[in-house]
Amino acid sequence: MTESHPMLRWADENGKTVADMATAGGCSESHLRNIFAGRKEASLGLAKRLSEFSGGVVPMDAFLRPEPAEVRV
């Protein structure tokens, strides 16, 4: 089972759609879907707008991809 993005869970609980979030964030739905899937990272401005749209429930860092683990050889 794939874990869903915190913003998608918040949106589901609050009756919001990806279109609503894209409008609030000032970006395309496809860009948001890539962020939610972990394929893209949001700009700081977009992360801030989306966090504000959620009333601060979803923190800005939820939109940033985690740093890859350091590989030691």
C-alpha atoms as a PDB file:
ATOM      1  CA  MET A   1       0.000   0.000   0.000  1.00  0.00           C
ATOM      2  CA  THR A   2       1.372   3.399  -0.963  1.00  0.00           C
ATOM      3  CA  GLU A   3       1.385   6.097   1.674  1.00  0.00           C
ATOM      4  CA  SER A   4      -0.455   9.179   0.449  1.00  0.00           C
ATOM      5  CA  HIS A   5       0.967  12.682   0.668  1.00  0.00           C
ATOM      6  CA  PRO A   6      -0.100  14.643   3.778  1.00  0.00           C
ATOM      7  CA  MET A   7      -1.670  17.345   1.585  1.00  0.00           C
ATOM      8  CA  LEU A   8      -3.803  14.763  -0.221  1.00  0.00           C
ATOM      9  CA  ARG A   9      -5.004  13.370   3.104  1.00  0.00           C
ATOM     10  CA  TRP A  10      -5.806  16.916   4.321  1.00  0.00           C
ATOM     11  CA  ALA A  11      -7.636  17.704   1.063  1.00  0.00           C
ATOM     12  CA  ASP A  12      -9.690  14.516   1.294  1.00  0.00           C
ATOM     13  CA  GLU A  13     -10.664  15.294   4.887  1.00  0.00           C
ATOM     14  CA  ASN A  14     -11.620  18.861   3.945  1.00  0.00           C
ATOM     15  CA  GLY A  15     -13.423  18.316   0.644  1.00  0.00           C
ATOM     16  CA  LYS A  16     -10.720  19.934  -1.491  1.00  0.00           C
ATOM     17  CA  THR A  17      -9.597  18.759  -4.922  1.00  0.00           C
ATOM     18  CA  VAL A  18      -6.260  18.832  -6.698  1.00  0.00           C
ATOM     19  CA  ALA A  19      -7.781  21.584  -8.858  1.00  0.00           C
ATOM     20  CA  ASP A  20      -8.531  23.623  -5.708  1.00  0.00           C
ATOM     21  CA  MET A  21      -4.961  23.165  -4.507  1.00  0.00           C
ATOM     22  CA  ALA A  22      -3.510  24.052  -7.918  1.00  0.00           C
ATOM     23  CA  THR A  23      -5.552  27.255  -7.995  1.00  0.00           C
ATOM     24  CA  ALA A  24      -4.445  28.175  -4.469  1.00  0.00           C
ATOM     25  CA  GLY A  25      -0.837  27.334  -5.265  1.00  0.00           C
ATOM     26  CA  GLY A  26      -0.773  29.053  -8.644  1.00  0.00           C
ATOM     27  CA  CYS A  27       0.446  25.971 -10.502  1.00  0.00           C
ATOM     28  CA  SER A  28      -0.866  23.165 -12.687  1.00  0.00           C
ATOM     29  CA  GLU A  29      -2.587  20.053 -11.420  1.00  0.00           C
ATOM     30  CA  SER A  30       0.038  17.897 -13.133  1.00  0.00           C
ATOM     31  CA  HIS A  31       2.835  19.725 -11.292  1.00  0.00           C
ATOM     32  CA  LEU A  32       1.091  19.062  -7.973  1.00  0.00           C
ATOM     33  CA  ARG A  33       0.580  15.396  -8.836  1.00  0.00           C
ATOM     34  CA  ASN A  34       4.325  15.113  -9.520  1.00  0.00           C
ATOM     35  CA  ILE A  35       5.088  16.716  -6.151  1.00  0.00           C
ATOM     36  CA  PHE A  36       2.652  14.419  -4.355  1.00  0.00           C
ATOM     37  CA  ALA A  37       4.225  11.392  -6.080  1.00  0.00           C
ATOM     38  CA  GLY A  38       7.724  12.481  -5.014  1.00  0.00           C
ATOM     39  CA  ARG A  39       8.922  13.079  -8.578  1.00  0.00           C
ATOM     40  CA  LYS A  40       9.257  16.853  -8.138  1.00  0.00           C
ATOM     41  CA  GLU A  41       9.971  19.232  -5.298  1.00  0.00           C
ATOM     42  CA  ALA A  42       7.909  22.361  -4.734  1.00  0.00           C
ATOM     43  CA  SER A  43       9.541  25.769  -4.757  1.00  0.00           C
ATOM     44  CA  LEU A  44       9.599  27.477  -1.378  1.00  0.00           C
ATOM     45  CA  GLY A  45       6.907  29.878  -2.579  1.00  0.00           C
ATOM     46  CA  LEU A  46       4.609  27.062  -3.666  1.00  0.00           C
ATOM     47  CA  ALA A  47       5.255  25.137  -0.443  1.00  0.00           C
ATOM     48  CA  LYS A  48       4.340  28.263   1.529  1.00  0.00           C
ATOM     49  CA  ARG A  49       1.124  28.872  -0.447  1.00  0.00           C
ATOM     50  CA  LEU A  50      -0.002  25.263  -0.085  1.00  0.00           C
ATOM     51  CA  SER A  51       0.803  25.194   3.621  1.00  0.00           C
ATOM     52  CA  GLU A  52      -1.179  28.414   4.084  1.00  0.00           C
ATOM     53  CA  PHE A  53      -4.062  26.927   2.058  1.00  0.00           C
ATOM     54  CA  SER A  54      -4.208  24.079   4.587  1.00  0.00           C
ATOM     55  CA  GLY A  55      -4.274  26.595   7.429  1.00  0.00           C
ATOM     56  CA  GLY A  56      -0.799  25.456   8.441  1.00  0.00           C
ATOM     57  CA  VAL A  57      -1.956  21.882   9.065  1.00  0.00           C
ATOM     58  CA  VAL A  58       0.420  20.614   6.360  1.00  0.00           C
ATOM     59  CA  PRO A  59       3.906  22.069   7.013  1.00  0.00           C
ATOM     60  CA  MET A  60       6.062  23.506   4.240  1.00  0.00           C
ATOM     61  CA  ASP A  61       8.617  20.709   4.545  1.00  0.00           C
ATOM     62  CA  ALA A  62       5.972  18.180   3.477  1.00  0.00           C
ATOM     63  CA  PHE A  63       6.497  19.461  -0.073  1.00  0.00           C
ATOM     64  CA  LEU A  64      10.269  18.950  -0.127  1.00  0.00           C
ATOM     65  CA  ARG A  65      11.833  15.658  -1.155  1.00  0.00           C
ATOM     66  CA  PRO A  66      13.957  14.040   1.547  1.00  0.00           C
ATOM     67  CA  GLU A  67      17.710  14.125   1.058  1.00  0.00           C
ATOM     68  CA  PRO A  68      19.011  10.823  -0.279  1.00  0.00           C
ATOM     69  CA  ALA A  69      20.860   8.729   2.257  1.00  0.00           C
ATOM     70  CA  GLU A  70      24.624   8.996   2.095  1.00  0.00           C
ATOM     71  CA  VAL A  71      26.140   5.913   0.534  1.00  0.00           C
ATOM     72  CA  ARG A  72      29.362   4.724   2.133  1.00  0.00           C
ATOM     73  CA  VAL A  73      31.656   2.402   0.242  1.00  0.00           C
END
